PDB file of N, CA and C in Angstrom:
ATOM      1  N   UNK A   1      19.533  21.559  14.728  1.00  0.00           N
ATOM      2  CA  UNK A   1      18.183  21.051  14.620  1.00  0.00           C
ATOM      3  C   UNK A   1      18.173  19.523  14.582  1.00  0.00           C
ATOM      4  N   UNK A   2      19.174  18.923  13.934  1.00  0.00           N
ATOM      5  CA  UNK A   2      19.229  17.469  13.843  1.00  0.00           C
ATOM      6  C   UNK A   2      19.380  16.832  15.215  1.00  0.00           C
ATOM      7  N   UNK A   3      20.120  17.484  16.116  1.00  0.00           N
ATOM      8  CA  UNK A   3      20.292  16.931  17.452  1.00  0.00           C
ATOM      9  C   UNK A   3      18.962  16.790  18.168  1.00  0.00           C
ATOM     10  N   UNK A   4      18.078  17.746  17.988  1.00  0.00           N
ATOM     11  CA  UNK A   4      16.760  17.691  18.618  1.00  0.00           C
ATOM     12  C   UNK A   4      15.897  16.604  18.008  1.00  0.00           C
ATOM     13  N   UNK A   5      16.079  16.325  16.734  1.00  0.00           N
ATOM     14  CA  UNK A   5      15.288  15.297  16.066  1.00  0.00           C
ATOM     15  C   UNK A   5      15.664  13.902  16.559  1.00  0.00           C
ATOM     16  N   UNK A   6      16.900  13.700  16.977  1.00  0.00           N
ATOM     17  CA  UNK A   6      17.358  12.394  17.447  1.00  0.00           C
ATOM     18  C   UNK A   6      17.065  12.182  18.929  1.00  0.00           C
ATOM     19  N   UNK A   7      16.719  13.222  19.635  1.00  0.00           N
ATOM     20  CA  UNK A   7      16.507  13.110  21.067  1.00  0.00           C
ATOM     21  C   UNK A   7      15.293  12.259  21.407  1.00  0.00           C
ATOM     22  N   UNK A   8      14.167  12.535  20.798  1.00  0.00           N
ATOM     23  CA  UNK A   8      12.921  11.848  21.148  1.00  0.00           C
ATOM     24  C   UNK A   8      12.996  10.343  20.875  1.00  0.00           C
ATOM     25  N   UNK A   9      13.456   9.894  19.706  1.00  0.00           N
ATOM     26  CA  UNK A   9      13.557   8.443  19.501  1.00  0.00           C
ATOM     27  C   UNK A   9      14.546   7.780  20.482  1.00  0.00           C
ATOM     28  N   UNK A  10      15.649   8.455  20.771  1.00  0.00           N
ATOM     29  CA  UNK A  10      16.611   7.908  21.735  1.00  0.00           C
ATOM     30  C   UNK A  10      16.029   7.842  23.129  1.00  0.00           C
ATOM     31  N   UNK A  11      15.278   8.851  23.504  1.00  0.00           N
ATOM     32  CA  UNK A  11      14.635   8.891  24.818  1.00  0.00           C
ATOM     33  C   UNK A  11      13.613   7.766  24.954  1.00  0.00           C
ATOM     34  N   UNK A  12      12.813   7.578  23.927  1.00  0.00           N
ATOM     35  CA  UNK A  12      11.797   6.515  23.947  1.00  0.00           C
ATOM     36  C   UNK A  12      12.447   5.131  23.960  1.00  0.00           C
ATOM     37  N   UNK A  13      13.527   4.986  23.227  1.00  0.00           N
ATOM     38  CA  UNK A  13      14.255   3.713  23.229  1.00  0.00           C
ATOM     39  C   UNK A  13      14.834   3.427  24.617  1.00  0.00           C
ATOM     40  N   UNK A  14      15.346   4.447  25.280  1.00  0.00           N
ATOM     41  CA  UNK A  14      15.872   4.291  26.640  1.00  0.00           C
ATOM     42  C   UNK A  14      14.788   3.880  27.625  1.00  0.00           C
ATOM     43  N   UNK A  15      13.610   4.481  27.503  1.00  0.00           N
ATOM     44  CA  UNK A  15      12.483   4.115  28.375  1.00  0.00           C
ATOM     45  C   UNK A  15      12.093   2.663  28.142  1.00  0.00           C
ATOM     46  N   UNK A  16      12.021   2.251  26.887  1.00  0.00           N
ATOM     47  CA  UNK A  16      11.649   0.871  26.558  1.00  0.00           C
ATOM     48  C   UNK A  16      12.690  -0.121  27.090  1.00  0.00           C
ATOM     49  N   UNK A  17      13.962   0.205  26.919  1.00  0.00           N
ATOM     50  CA  UNK A  17      15.014  -0.689  27.407  1.00  0.00           C
ATOM     51  C   UNK A  17      14.966  -0.789  28.929  1.00  0.00           C
ATOM     52  N   UNK A  18      14.748   0.323  29.588  1.00  0.00           N
ATOM     53  CA  UNK A  18      14.639   0.313  31.049  1.00  0.00           C
ATOM     54  C   UNK A  18      13.470  -0.529  31.525  1.00  0.00           C
ATOM     55  N   UNK A  19      12.356  -0.450  30.825  1.00  0.00           N
ATOM     56  CA  UNK A  19      11.174  -1.242  31.191  1.00  0.00           C
ATOM     57  C   UNK A  19      11.445  -2.734  31.012  1.00  0.00           C
ATOM     58  N   UNK A  20      12.103  -3.095  29.916  1.00  0.00           N
ATOM     59  CA  UNK A  20      12.413  -4.507  29.664  1.00  0.00           C
ATOM     60  C   UNK A  20      13.358  -5.043  30.744  1.00  0.00           C
ATOM     61  N   UNK A  21      14.367  -4.287  31.083  1.00  0.00           N
ATOM     62  CA  UNK A  21      15.321  -4.724  32.098  1.00  0.00           C
ATOM     63  C   UNK A  21      14.631  -4.858  33.449  1.00  0.00           C
ATOM     64  N   UNK A  22      13.765  -3.908  33.785  1.00  0.00           N
ATOM     65  CA  UNK A  22      13.045  -3.952  35.063  1.00  0.00           C
ATOM     66  C   UNK A  22      12.147  -5.183  35.141  1.00  0.00           C
ATOM     67  N   UNK A  23      11.430  -5.452  34.089  1.00  0.00           N
ATOM     68  CA  UNK A  23      10.549  -6.633  34.068  1.00  0.00           C
ATOM     69  C   UNK A  23      11.368  -7.911  34.190  1.00  0.00           C
ATOM     70  N   UNK A  24      12.497  -7.976  33.487  1.00  0.00           N
ATOM     71  CA  UNK A  24      13.354  -9.157  33.555  1.00  0.00           C
ATOM     72  C   UNK A  24      13.896  -9.363  34.966  1.00  0.00           C
ATOM     73  N   UNK A  25      14.386  -8.295  35.587  1.00  0.00           N
ATOM     74  CA  UNK A  25      14.988  -8.427  36.910  1.00  0.00           C
ATOM     75  C   UNK A  25      13.972  -8.757  37.994  1.00  0.00           C
ATOM     76  N   UNK A  26      12.707  -8.476  37.747  1.00  0.00           N
ATOM     77  CA  UNK A  26      11.683  -8.821  38.730  1.00  0.00           C
ATOM     78  C   UNK A  26      11.269 -10.281  38.646  1.00  0.00           C
ATOM     79  N   UNK A  27      11.601 -10.949  37.562  1.00  0.00           N
ATOM     80  CA  UNK A  27      11.276 -12.365  37.401  1.00  0.00           C
ATOM     81  C   UNK A  27      12.230 -13.244  38.202  1.00  0.00           C
ATOM     82  N   UNK A  28      11.956 -14.559  38.205  1.00  0.00           N
ATOM     83  CA  UNK A  28      12.771 -15.522  38.961  1.00  0.00           C
ATOM     84  C   UNK A  28      14.216 -15.546  38.471  1.00  0.00           C
ATOM     85  N   UNK A  29      14.412 -15.558  37.165  1.00  0.00           N
ATOM     86  CA  UNK A  29      15.766 -15.583  36.598  1.00  0.00           C
ATOM     87  C   UNK A  29      16.512 -14.292  36.952  1.00  0.00           C
ATOM     88  N   UNK A  30      15.820 -13.175  36.888  1.00  0.00           N
ATOM     89  CA  UNK A  30      16.435 -11.907  37.241  1.00  0.00           C
ATOM     90  C   UNK A  30      16.834 -11.859  38.706  1.00  0.00           C
ATOM     91  N   UNK A  31      15.973 -12.380  39.577  1.00  0.00           N
ATOM     92  CA  UNK A  31      16.290 -12.419  41.008  1.00  0.00           C
ATOM     93  C   UNK A  31      17.495 -13.316  41.275  1.00  0.00           C
ATOM     94  N   UNK A  32      17.584 -14.410  40.519  1.00  0.00           N
ATOM     95  CA  UNK A  32      18.736 -15.302  40.653  1.00  0.00           C
ATOM     96  C   UNK A  32      20.026 -14.581  40.252  1.00  0.00           C
ATOM     97  N   UNK A  33      19.953 -13.820  39.180  1.00  0.00           N
ATOM     98  CA  UNK A  33      21.132 -13.060  38.735  1.00  0.00           C
ATOM     99  C   UNK A  33      21.528 -12.031  39.786  1.00  0.00           C
ATOM    100  N   UNK A  34      20.557 -11.351  40.365  1.00  0.00           N
ATOM    101  CA  UNK A  34      20.838 -10.349  41.404  1.00  0.00           C
ATOM    102  C   UNK A  34      21.483 -11.008  42.624  1.00  0.00           C
ATOM    103  N   UNK A  35      20.952 -12.165  43.042  1.00  0.00           N
ATOM    104  CA  UNK A  35      21.531 -12.883  44.188  1.00  0.00           C
ATOM    105  C   UNK A  35      22.971 -13.289  43.908  1.00  0.00           C
ATOM    106  N   UNK A  36      23.209 -13.822  42.711  1.00  0.00           N
ATOM    107  CA  UNK A  36      24.569 -14.234  42.344  1.00  0.00           C
ATOM    108  C   UNK A  36      25.522 -13.038  42.305  1.00  0.00           C
ATOM    109  N   UNK A  37      25.050 -11.915  41.787  1.00  0.00           N
ATOM    110  CA  UNK A  37      25.884 -10.721  41.720  1.00  0.00           C
ATOM    111  C   UNK A  37      26.215 -10.227  43.122  1.00  0.00           C
ATOM    112  N   UNK A  38      25.214 -10.209  44.007  1.00  0.00           N
ATOM    113  CA  UNK A  38      25.460  -9.771  45.387  1.00  0.00           C
ATOM    114  C   UNK A  38      26.444 -10.696  46.086  1.00  0.00           C
ATOM    115  N   UNK A  39      26.294 -11.997  45.866  1.00  0.00           N
ATOM    116  CA  UNK A  39      27.196 -12.966  46.472  1.00  0.00           C
ATOM    117  C   UNK A  39      28.624 -12.779  45.953  1.00  0.00           C
ATOM    118  N   UNK A  40      28.750 -12.572  44.650  1.00  0.00           N
ATOM    119  CA  UNK A  40      30.066 -12.349  44.062  1.00  0.00           C
ATOM    120  C   UNK A  40      30.717 -11.085  44.599  1.00  0.00           C
ATOM    121  N   UNK A  41      29.940 -10.027  44.724  1.00  0.00           N
ATOM    122  CA  UNK A  41      30.473  -8.767  45.259  1.00  0.00           C
ATOM    123  C   UNK A  41      30.898  -8.947  46.711  1.00  0.00           C
ATOM    124  N   UNK A  42      30.110  -9.688  47.472  1.00  0.00           N
ATOM    125  CA  UNK A  42      30.454  -9.940  48.877  1.00  0.00           C
ATOM    126  C   UNK A  42      31.760 -10.726  48.970  1.00  0.00           C
ATOM    127  N   UNK A  43      31.925 -11.741  48.122  1.00  0.00           N
ATOM    128  CA  UNK A  43      33.158 -12.540  48.121  1.00  0.00           C
ATOM    129  C   UNK A  43      34.379 -11.684  47.772  1.00  0.00           C
ATOM    130  N   UNK A  44      34.233 -10.850  46.761  1.00  0.00           N
ATOM    131  CA  UNK A  44      35.343  -9.983  46.351  1.00  0.00           C
ATOM    132  C   UNK A  44      35.694  -9.014  47.476  1.00  0.00           C
ATOM    133  N   UNK A  45      34.673  -8.467  48.131  1.00  0.00           N
ATOM    134  CA  UNK A  45      34.908  -7.539  49.241  1.00  0.00           C
ATOM    135  C   UNK A  45      35.657  -8.227  50.375  1.00  0.00           C
ATOM    136  N   UNK A  46      35.271  -9.435  50.709  1.00  0.00           N
ATOM    137  CA  UNK A  46      35.949 -10.187  51.769  1.00  0.00           C
ATOM    138  C   UNK A  46      37.404 -10.474  51.385  1.00  0.00           C
ATOM    139  N   UNK A  47      37.624 -10.858  50.123  1.00  0.00           N
ATOM    140  CA  UNK A  47      38.990 -11.117  49.655  1.00  0.00           C
ATOM    141  C   UNK A  47      39.851  -9.865  49.757  1.00  0.00           C
ATOM    142  N   UNK A  48      39.283  -8.713  49.386  1.00  0.00           N
ATOM    143  CA  UNK A  48      40.024  -7.461  49.486  1.00  0.00           C
ATOM    144  C   UNK A  48      40.355  -7.120  50.936  1.00  0.00           C
ATOM    145  N   UNK A  49      39.379  -7.312  51.830  1.00  0.00           N
ATOM    146  CA  UNK A  49      39.622  -7.037  53.248  1.00  0.00           C
ATOM    147  C   UNK A  49      40.741  -7.926  53.783  1.00  0.00           C
ATOM    148  N   UNK A  50      40.695  -9.212  53.440  1.00  0.00           N
ATOM    149  CA  UNK A  50      41.743 -10.139  53.892  1.00  0.00           C
ATOM    150  C   UNK A  50      43.094  -9.763  53.317  1.00  0.00           C
ATOM    151  N   UNK A  51      43.116  -9.359  52.057  1.00  0.00           N
ATOM    152  CA  UNK A  51      44.370  -8.951  51.439  1.00  0.00           C
ATOM    153  C   UNK A  51      44.959  -7.720  52.100  1.00  0.00           C
ATOM    154  N   UNK A  52      44.115  -6.770  52.443  1.00  0.00           N
ATOM    155  CA  UNK A  52      44.583  -5.551  53.105  1.00  0.00           C
ATOM    156  C   UNK A  52      45.103  -5.875  54.502  1.00  0.00           C
ATOM    157  N   UNK A  53      44.422  -6.762  55.211  1.00  0.00           N
ATOM    158  CA  UNK A  53      44.880  -7.149  56.546  1.00  0.00           C
ATOM    159  C   UNK A  53      46.228  -7.879  56.462  1.00  0.00           C
ATOM    160  N   UNK A  54      46.398  -8.710  55.450  1.00  0.00           N
ATOM    161  CA  UNK A  54      47.635  -9.490  55.307  1.00  0.00           C
ATOM    162  C   UNK A  54      48.802  -8.644  54.806  1.00  0.00           C
ATOM    163  N   UNK A  55      48.520  -7.554  54.122  1.00  0.00           N
ATOM    164  CA  UNK A  55      49.609  -6.733  53.597  1.00  0.00           C
ATOM    165  C   UNK A  55      50.411  -6.102  54.733  1.00  0.00           C
ATOM    166  N   UNK A  56      49.740  -5.797  55.854  1.00  0.00           N
ATOM    167  CA  UNK A  56      50.464  -5.252  57.010  1.00  0.00           C
ATOM    168  C   UNK A  56      51.513  -6.246  57.500  1.00  0.00           C
ATOM    169  N   UNK A  57      51.123  -7.498  57.625  1.00  0.00           N
ATOM    170  CA  UNK A  57      52.062  -8.524  58.089  1.00  0.00           C
ATOM    171  C   UNK A  57      53.219  -8.690  57.104  1.00  0.00           C
ATOM    172  N   UNK A  58      52.909  -8.705  55.821  1.00  0.00           N
ATOM    173  CA  UNK A  58      53.940  -8.881  54.804  1.00  0.00           C
ATOM    174  C   UNK A  58      54.929  -7.719  54.822  1.00  0.00           C
ATOM    175  N   UNK A  59      54.410  -6.494  54.888  1.00  0.00           N
ATOM    176  CA  UNK A  59      55.298  -5.335  54.927  1.00  0.00           C
ATOM    177  C   UNK A  59      56.154  -5.331  56.184  1.00  0.00           C
ATOM    178  N   UNK A  60      55.574  -5.740  57.308  1.00  0.00           N
ATOM    179  CA  UNK A  60      56.334  -5.797  58.555  1.00  0.00           C
ATOM    180  C   UNK A  60      57.474  -6.805  58.443  1.00  0.00           C
ATOM    181  N   UNK A  61      57.216  -7.960  57.822  1.00  0.00           N
ATOM    182  CA  UNK A  61      58.264  -8.962  57.623  1.00  0.00           C
ATOM    183  C   UNK A  61      59.377  -8.413  56.741  1.00  0.00           C
ATOM    184  N   UNK A  62      59.016  -7.699  55.664  1.00  0.00           N
ATOM    185  CA  UNK A  62      60.019  -7.136  54.762  1.00  0.00           C
ATOM    186  C   UNK A  62      60.876  -6.093  55.474  1.00  0.00           C
ATOM    187  N   UNK A  63      60.228  -5.245  56.271  1.00  0.00           N
ATOM    188  CA  UNK A  63      60.969  -4.211  57.000  1.00  0.00           C
ATOM    189  C   UNK A  63      61.928  -4.853  57.994  1.00  0.00           C
ATOM    190  N   UNK A  64      61.456  -5.850  58.745  1.00  0.00           N
ATOM    191  CA  UNK A  64      62.323  -6.526  59.715  1.00  0.00           C
ATOM    192  C   UNK A  64      63.487  -7.226  59.029  1.00  0.00           C
ATOM    193  N   UNK A  65      63.229  -7.864  57.895  1.00  0.00           N
ATOM    194  CA  UNK A  65      64.289  -8.539  57.146  1.00  0.00           C
ATOM    195  C   UNK A  65      65.313  -7.508  56.654  1.00  0.00           C
ATOM    196  N   UNK A  66      64.841  -6.387  56.143  1.00  0.00           N
ATOM    197  CA  UNK A  66      65.752  -5.339  55.668  1.00  0.00           C
ATOM    198  C   UNK A  66      66.588  -4.788  56.808  1.00  0.00           C
ATOM    199  N   UNK A  67      65.972  -4.558  57.941  1.00  0.00           N
ATOM    200  CA  UNK A  67      66.711  -4.050  59.101  1.00  0.00           C
ATOM    201  C   UNK A  67      67.787  -5.032  59.539  1.00  0.00           C
ATOM    202  N   UNK A  68      67.462  -6.329  59.544  1.00  0.00           N
ATOM    203  CA  UNK A  68      68.461  -7.304  59.973  1.00  0.00           C
ATOM    204  C   UNK A  68      69.624  -7.362  58.975  1.00  0.00           C
ATOM    205  N   UNK A  69      69.331  -7.229  57.686  1.00  0.00           N
ATOM    206  CA  UNK A  69      70.401  -7.233  56.683  1.00  0.00           C
ATOM    207  C   UNK A  69      71.281  -5.995  56.858  1.00  0.00           C
ATOM    208  N   UNK A  70      70.648  -4.847  57.074  1.00  0.00           N
ATOM    209  CA  UNK A  70      71.413  -3.608  57.272  1.00  0.00           C
ATOM    210  C   UNK A  70      72.283  -3.718  58.523  1.00  0.00           C
ATOM    211  N   UNK A  71      71.713  -4.219  59.603  1.00  0.00           N
ATOM    212  CA  UNK A  71      72.490  -4.368  60.837  1.00  0.00           C
ATOM    213  C   UNK A  71      73.641  -5.355  60.656  1.00  0.00           C
ATOM    214  N   UNK A  72      73.399  -6.408  59.899  1.00  0.00           N
ATOM    215  CA  UNK A  72      74.456  -7.394  59.630  1.00  0.00           C
ATOM    216  C   UNK A  72      75.575  -6.753  58.817  1.00  0.00           C
ATOM    217  N   UNK A  73      75.211  -5.952  57.827  1.00  0.00           N
ATOM    218  CA  UNK A  73      76.217  -5.295  56.993  1.00  0.00           C
ATOM    219  C   UNK A  73      76.987  -4.232  57.774  1.00  0.00           C
ATOM    220  N   UNK A  74      76.336  -3.564  58.707  1.00  0.00           N
ATOM    221  CA  UNK A  74      77.012  -2.555  59.524  1.00  0.00           C
ATOM    222  C   UNK A  74      78.104  -3.191  60.379  1.00  0.00           C
ATOM    223  N   UNK A  75      77.885  -4.411  60.813  1.00  0.00           N
ATOM    224  CA  UNK A  75      78.843  -5.095  61.668  1.00  0.00           C
ATOM    225  C   UNK A  75      80.044  -5.642  60.925  1.00  0.00           C
ATOM    226  N   UNK A  76      79.991  -5.727  59.616  1.00  0.00           N
ATOM    227  CA  UNK A  76      81.089  -6.290  58.834  1.00  0.00           C
ATOM    228  C   UNK A  76      82.061  -5.202  58.425  1.00  0.00           C
ATOM    229  N   UNK A  77      83.287  -5.613  58.192  1.00  0.00           N
ATOM    230  CA  UNK A  77      84.287  -4.708  57.646  1.00  0.00           C
ATOM    231  C   UNK A  77      84.023  -4.559  56.155  1.00  0.00           C
ATOM    232  N   UNK A  78      84.538  -3.488  55.588  1.00  0.00           N
ATOM    233  CA  UNK A  78      84.338  -3.284  54.158  1.00  0.00           C
ATOM    234  C   UNK A  78      84.933  -4.425  53.344  1.00  0.00           C
ATOM    235  N   UNK A  79      86.027  -4.955  53.770  1.00  0.00           N
ATOM    236  CA  UNK A  79      86.645  -6.051  53.013  1.00  0.00           C
ATOM    237  C   UNK A  79      85.778  -7.302  53.079  1.00  0.00           C
ATOM    238  N   UNK A  80      85.045  -7.499  54.177  1.00  0.00           N
ATOM    239  CA  UNK A  80      84.163  -8.660  54.294  1.00  0.00           C
ATOM    240  C   UNK A  80      82.958  -8.533  53.364  1.00  0.00           C
ATOM    241  N   UNK A  81      82.503  -7.314  53.154  1.00  0.00           N
ATOM    242  CA  UNK A  81      81.323  -7.116  52.313  1.00  0.00           C
ATOM    243  C   UNK A  81      81.611  -7.522  50.878  1.00  0.00           C
ATOM    244  N   UNK A  82      82.828  -7.256  50.420  1.00  0.00           N
ATOM    245  CA  UNK A  82      83.165  -7.538  49.030  1.00  0.00           C
ATOM    246  C   UNK A  82      83.823  -8.899  48.841  1.00  0.00           C
ATOM    247  N   UNK A  83      83.687  -9.782  49.799  1.00  0.00           N
ATOM    248  CA  UNK A  83      84.247 -11.131  49.693  1.00  0.00           C
ATOM    249  C   UNK A  83      83.387 -11.926  48.709  1.00  0.00           C
ATOM    250  N   UNK A  84      83.877 -12.128  47.489  1.00  0.00           N
ATOM    251  CA  UNK A  84      83.107 -12.765  46.440  1.00  0.00           C
ATOM    252  C   UNK A  84      82.763 -14.216  46.751  1.00  0.00           C
ATOM    253  N   UNK A  85      83.645 -14.920  47.456  1.00  0.00           N
ATOM    254  CA  UNK A  85      83.354 -16.312  47.786  1.00  0.00           C
ATOM    255  C   UNK A  85      82.104 -16.388  48.666  1.00  0.00           C
ATOM    256  N   UNK A  86      81.967 -15.459  49.579  1.00  0.00           N
ATOM    257  CA  UNK A  86      80.809 -15.462  50.469  1.00  0.00           C
ATOM    258  C   UNK A  86      79.545 -15.039  49.728  1.00  0.00           C
ATOM    259  N   UNK A  87      79.685 -14.100  48.822  1.00  0.00           N
ATOM    260  CA  UNK A  87      78.511 -13.597  48.079  1.00  0.00           C
ATOM    261  C   UNK A  87      77.946 -14.668  47.165  1.00  0.00           C
ATOM    262  N   UNK A  88      78.814 -15.388  46.463  1.00  0.00           N
ATOM    263  CA  UNK A  88      78.347 -16.338  45.468  1.00  0.00           C
ATOM    264  C   UNK A  88      78.268 -17.771  45.979  1.00  0.00           C
ATOM    265  N   UNK A  89      78.408 -17.986  47.253  1.00  0.00           N
ATOM    266  CA  UNK A  89      78.327 -19.356  47.757  1.00  0.00           C
ATOM    267  C   UNK A  89      76.931 -19.677  48.227  1.00  0.00           C
TER     268      UNK A  89
END
């Protein structure tokens, strides 16, 4: 029964808060906030798109570098691979 008693005041409070927010957002300051938010979201979206496009290039460079290292190691003798002077120079 207590749950039902709390519903109506909470519902009315939600309606009042929604009305206040709506009135605020329709004003000049609210419109400015909406414009800034849209601009910020657009900037973040563009940054994400650029990052996704650049990740392909980065991964391709890593794969090519790994392949060249593997091919270089395949061409060496086992004794050359463990040459400490070459590793630490």
